C-alpha atoms as a PDB file:
ATOM      1  CA  MET A   1       9.622   1.001 -41.858  1.00  0.00           C
ATOM      2  CA  ILE A   2       8.037  -2.438 -41.967  1.00  0.00           C
ATOM      3  CA  SER A   3       9.297  -5.122 -39.590  1.00  0.00           C
ATOM      4  CA  ASP A   4      11.414  -7.770 -41.358  1.00  0.00           C
ATOM      5  CA  ASP A   5       9.171 -10.570 -40.114  1.00  0.00           C
ATOM      6  CA  ILE A   6       6.156  -9.265 -42.082  1.00  0.00           C
ATOM      7  CA  LYS A   7       7.892  -7.957 -45.215  1.00  0.00           C
ATOM      8  CA  PRO A   8       7.347  -9.967 -48.383  1.00  0.00           C
ATOM      9  CA  ASP A   9      10.466 -11.598 -49.814  1.00  0.00           C
ATOM     10  CA  LEU A  10      12.150 -10.348 -52.978  1.00  0.00           C
ATOM     11  CA  VAL A  11      14.820 -12.594 -54.506  1.00  0.00           C
ATOM     12  CA  LEU A  12      17.314 -11.098 -56.960  1.00  0.00           C
ATOM     13  CA  LEU A  13      19.471 -13.388 -59.102  1.00  0.00           C
ATOM     14  CA  HIS A  14      22.202 -12.056 -61.371  1.00  0.00           C
ATOM     15  CA  GLY A  15      23.146 -13.336 -64.815  1.00  0.00           C
ATOM     16  CA  PHE A  16      26.313 -14.959 -66.107  1.00  0.00           C
ATOM     17  CA  VAL A  17      29.626 -13.222 -65.212  1.00  0.00           C
ATOM     18  CA  GLN A  18      27.910 -10.787 -62.846  1.00  0.00           C
ATOM     19  CA  ASN A  19      27.415 -10.750 -59.087  1.00  0.00           C
ATOM     20  CA  LYS A  20      24.983  -9.494 -56.460  1.00  0.00           C
ATOM     21  CA  ARG A  21      26.609  -6.035 -56.427  1.00  0.00           C
ATOM     22  CA  LEU A  22      24.613  -5.452 -59.599  1.00  0.00           C
ATOM     23  CA  PHE A  23      21.587  -5.024 -57.325  1.00  0.00           C
ATOM     24  CA  ASP A  24      22.957  -2.463 -54.853  1.00  0.00           C
ATOM     25  CA  ARG A  25      20.531   0.227 -56.059  1.00  0.00           C
ATOM     26  CA  GLN A  26      17.545  -2.129 -56.040  1.00  0.00           C
ATOM     27  CA  ILE A  27      18.402  -3.323 -52.527  1.00  0.00           C
ATOM     28  CA  ALA A  28      18.552   0.279 -51.316  1.00  0.00           C
ATOM     29  CA  HIS A  29      15.281   1.120 -53.080  1.00  0.00           C
ATOM     30  CA  PHE A  30      13.237  -1.922 -52.045  1.00  0.00           C
ATOM     31  CA  GLY A  31      14.836  -2.704 -48.680  1.00  0.00           C
ATOM     32  CA  ASP A  32      12.336  -0.716 -46.622  1.00  0.00           C
ATOM     33  CA  ARG A  33       9.365  -2.628 -48.091  1.00  0.00           C
ATOM     34  CA  TYR A  34      10.791  -6.066 -48.858  1.00  0.00           C
ATOM     35  CA  ARG A  35      13.091  -8.598 -47.271  1.00  0.00           C
ATOM     36  CA  VAL A  36      15.600  -8.559 -50.141  1.00  0.00           C
ATOM     37  CA  HIS A  37      17.722 -11.608 -50.931  1.00  0.00           C
ATOM     38  CA  ALA A  38      20.563 -11.036 -53.410  1.00  0.00           C
ATOM     39  CA  LEU A  39      22.702 -14.101 -54.026  1.00  0.00           C
ATOM     40  CA  ASP A  40      26.083 -14.653 -55.624  1.00  0.00           C
ATOM     41  CA  LEU A  41      25.777 -17.765 -57.737  1.00  0.00           C
ATOM     42  CA  ARG A  42      28.481 -20.422 -57.500  1.00  0.00           C
ATOM     43  CA  GLY A  43      31.676 -19.183 -59.152  1.00  0.00           C
ATOM     44  CA  HIS A  44      30.630 -15.497 -59.043  1.00  0.00           C
ATOM     45  CA  GLY A  45      31.288 -12.583 -56.680  1.00  0.00           C
ATOM     46  CA  GLY A  46      31.863 -13.800 -53.135  1.00  0.00           C
ATOM     47  CA  ASN A  47      31.589 -17.416 -54.295  1.00  0.00           C
ATOM     48  CA  GLN A  48      34.427 -17.333 -56.828  1.00  0.00           C
ATOM     49  CA  ASN A  49      36.399 -19.976 -54.938  1.00  0.00           C
ATOM     50  CA  GLU A  50      33.549 -22.502 -54.801  1.00  0.00           C
ATOM     51  CA  PRO A  51      34.529 -25.788 -56.422  1.00  0.00           C
ATOM     52  CA  GLY A  52      32.928 -26.568 -59.783  1.00  0.00           C
ATOM     53  CA  PRO A  53      31.187 -27.677 -61.769  1.00  0.00           C
ATOM     54  CA  TYR A  54      29.266 -24.506 -62.556  1.00  0.00           C
ATOM     55  CA  GLY A  55      26.105 -25.349 -64.430  1.00  0.00           C
ATOM     56  CA  ASN A  56      22.365 -24.862 -64.310  1.00  0.00           C
ATOM     57  CA  GLU A  57      21.825 -27.987 -62.217  1.00  0.00           C
ATOM     58  CA  GLU A  58      24.328 -26.832 -59.583  1.00  0.00           C
ATOM     59  CA  TYR A  59      22.907 -23.293 -59.584  1.00  0.00           C
ATOM     60  CA  THR A  60      19.401 -24.689 -59.124  1.00  0.00           C
ATOM     61  CA  ASP A  61      20.542 -26.893 -56.240  1.00  0.00           C
ATOM     62  CA  ASP A  62      22.336 -23.950 -54.585  1.00  0.00           C
ATOM     63  CA  ILE A  63      19.308 -21.678 -54.912  1.00  0.00           C
ATOM     64  CA  GLN A  64      16.995 -24.373 -53.559  1.00  0.00           C
ATOM     65  CA  ALA A  65      19.327 -24.917 -50.595  1.00  0.00           C
ATOM     66  CA  TYR A  66      19.276 -21.168 -49.883  1.00  0.00           C
ATOM     67  CA  PHE A  67      15.480 -21.088 -50.105  1.00  0.00           C
ATOM     68  CA  ASP A  68      15.293 -24.002 -47.687  1.00  0.00           C
ATOM     69  CA  THR A  69      17.575 -22.330 -45.124  1.00  0.00           C
ATOM     70  CA  GLN A  70      15.583 -19.086 -45.344  1.00  0.00           C
ATOM     71  CA  GLY A  71      12.157 -20.726 -45.275  1.00  0.00           C
ATOM     72  CA  LEU A  72      11.280 -19.459 -48.763  1.00  0.00           C
ATOM     73  CA  ARG A  73       8.954 -21.279 -51.145  1.00  0.00           C
END
């Protein structure tokens, strides 16, 4: 197994009306080689109670904020 600090990052983003559970198989498959990030977009999955609005601009801002906190580019 590769140490998490040297694994490349793999970001998985679901589509409309789905959630990160969609990627359970991919996370299991790629998790030993990649640092896998699977996000629930605002208003989906674990973020269903997030206040709106829910649009592309908000999704983009949320994803950028996540990237910033994780040190992703």
